[in-house]
């Protein structure tokens, strides 16, 4: 997989994770529209990048990479910013997600 695709997937994941933070913030506000509009804008802006990643690489690999990066990023955001915790079973699931990237890429 070309490095620019990996970099683009990381950037797109960052946009979506930023949108997730705004969604979480919206849940604590009495008037969440402002936060929801920002979240939606971030999510929609990532669509253009997905076009290029899917055009150049197989959907199964790019989709799995995005899913696992989103999983890891969401877990880190939840723990560091929102004070959430993961159980041992959930950590095991994160580990299996990372293994799935290697299995799909054919590097193992």
Protein backbone atom coordinates (compact mmCIF):
# COMPACT_ATOMS: atom_id res chain seq x y z
CA UNK A 1 0.00 0.00 0.00
CA UNK A 2 1.47 3.39 -0.94
CA UNK A 3 2.47 5.61 1.95
CA UNK A 4 0.33 8.51 0.75
CA UNK A 5 -2.78 6.33 1.14
CA UNK A 6 -1.81 5.48 4.71
CA UNK A 7 -1.21 9.17 5.44
CA UNK A 8 -4.55 10.10 3.89
CA UNK A 9 -6.40 7.45 5.91
CA UNK A 10 -4.76 8.78 9.08
CA UNK A 11 -5.81 12.34 8.17
CA UNK A 12 -9.38 11.23 7.40
CA UNK A 13 -9.53 9.31 10.66
CA UNK A 14 -8.40 12.45 12.47
CA UNK A 15 -11.22 14.45 10.88
CA UNK A 16 -13.76 11.87 11.93
CA UNK A 17 -12.37 11.65 15.46
CA UNK A 18 -12.60 15.43 15.76
CA UNK A 19 -16.23 15.10 14.68
CA UNK A 20 -16.73 12.44 17.35
CA UNK A 21 -15.42 14.87 19.99
CA UNK A 22 -17.98 17.45 18.89
CA UNK A 23 -20.73 14.81 19.06
CA UNK A 24 -19.72 13.94 22.62
CA UNK A 25 -19.64 17.64 23.51
CA UNK A 26 -23.12 18.06 22.01
CA UNK A 27 -24.50 15.47 24.44
CA UNK A 28 -23.68 17.74 27.39
CA UNK A 29 -25.11 20.99 25.97
CA UNK A 30 -28.66 22.27 26.19
CA UNK A 31 -28.47 23.58 22.60
CA UNK A 32 -26.31 21.05 20.70
CA UNK A 33 -26.96 22.31 17.13
CA UNK A 34 -23.65 24.23 16.90
CA UNK A 35 -21.65 21.15 17.87
CA UNK A 36 -23.66 18.86 15.61
CA UNK A 37 -23.12 21.14 12.60
CA UNK A 38 -19.36 21.15 13.19
CA UNK A 39 -19.33 17.36 13.59
CA UNK A 40 -21.31 16.89 10.40
CA UNK A 41 -19.03 19.26 8.48
CA UNK A 42 -15.96 17.33 9.59
CA UNK A 43 -17.52 14.01 8.66
CA UNK A 44 -18.73 15.18 5.25
CA UNK A 45 -15.37 16.75 4.41
CA UNK A 46 -13.74 13.33 4.71
CA UNK A 47 -15.81 11.90 1.85
CA UNK A 48 -13.58 13.47 -0.78
CA UNK A 49 -10.52 11.80 0.69
CA UNK A 50 -12.26 8.43 0.79
CA UNK A 51 -12.81 8.65 -2.94
CA UNK A 52 -9.06 8.72 -3.55
CA UNK A 53 -8.21 5.98 -1.07
CA UNK A 54 -10.82 3.58 -2.41
CA UNK A 55 -9.85 4.40 -6.00
CA UNK A 56 -6.23 3.40 -5.36
CA UNK A 57 -6.52 0.52 -2.90
CA UNK A 58 -8.88 -2.35 -2.09
CA UNK A 59 -11.86 -1.35 0.01
CA UNK A 60 -11.35 -4.23 2.46
CA UNK A 61 -7.85 -3.07 3.37
CA UNK A 62 -8.56 0.66 3.49
CA UNK A 63 -11.81 0.09 5.37
CA UNK A 64 -10.15 -2.13 7.94
CA UNK A 65 -7.28 0.32 8.42
CA UNK A 66 -9.77 3.14 8.93
CA UNK A 67 -11.92 1.07 11.30
CA UNK A 68 -9.01 0.03 13.49
CA UNK A 69 -7.51 3.53 13.54
CA UNK A 70 -10.94 4.89 14.49
CA UNK A 71 -11.26 2.25 17.20
CA UNK A 72 -7.86 3.07 18.68
CA UNK A 73 -8.36 6.82 18.34
CA UNK A 74 -11.81 6.73 19.90
CA UNK A 75 -10.53 4.64 22.80
CA UNK A 76 -7.65 7.07 23.39
CA UNK A 77 -9.95 10.10 23.19
CA UNK A 78 -12.42 8.50 25.55
CA UNK A 79 -9.73 7.71 28.10
CA UNK A 80 -7.72 10.93 27.91
CA UNK A 81 -10.35 13.61 27.30
CA UNK A 82 -13.56 12.13 28.69
CA UNK A 83 -12.17 9.97 31.53
CA UNK A 84 -13.62 6.69 30.28
CA UNK A 85 -12.03 3.28 30.89
CA UNK A 86 -11.72 0.03 28.93
CA UNK A 87 -12.20 -3.43 30.37
CA UNK A 88 -9.77 -6.28 29.67
CA UNK A 89 -12.24 -7.71 27.16
CA UNK A 90 -12.35 -4.38 25.32
CA UNK A 91 -8.54 -4.17 25.23
CA UNK A 92 -8.53 -7.67 23.77
CA UNK A 93 -10.91 -6.48 21.04
CA UNK A 94 -8.59 -3.58 20.22
CA UNK A 95 -5.70 -6.02 19.92
CA UNK A 96 -7.67 -8.25 17.57
CA UNK A 97 -8.43 -5.20 15.43
CA UNK A 98 -4.73 -4.44 15.11
CA UNK A 99 -4.02 -8.05 14.16
CA UNK A 100 -6.70 -7.83 11.46
CA UNK A 101 -4.74 -5.08 9.68
CA UNK A 102 -1.71 -7.36 9.40
CA UNK A 103 -3.78 -10.33 8.27
CA UNK A 104 -5.54 -8.35 5.53
CA UNK A 105 -2.35 -6.72 4.32
CA UNK A 106 -0.69 -10.12 3.86
CA UNK A 107 2.33 -9.16 6.02
CA UNK A 108 1.95 -12.13 8.42
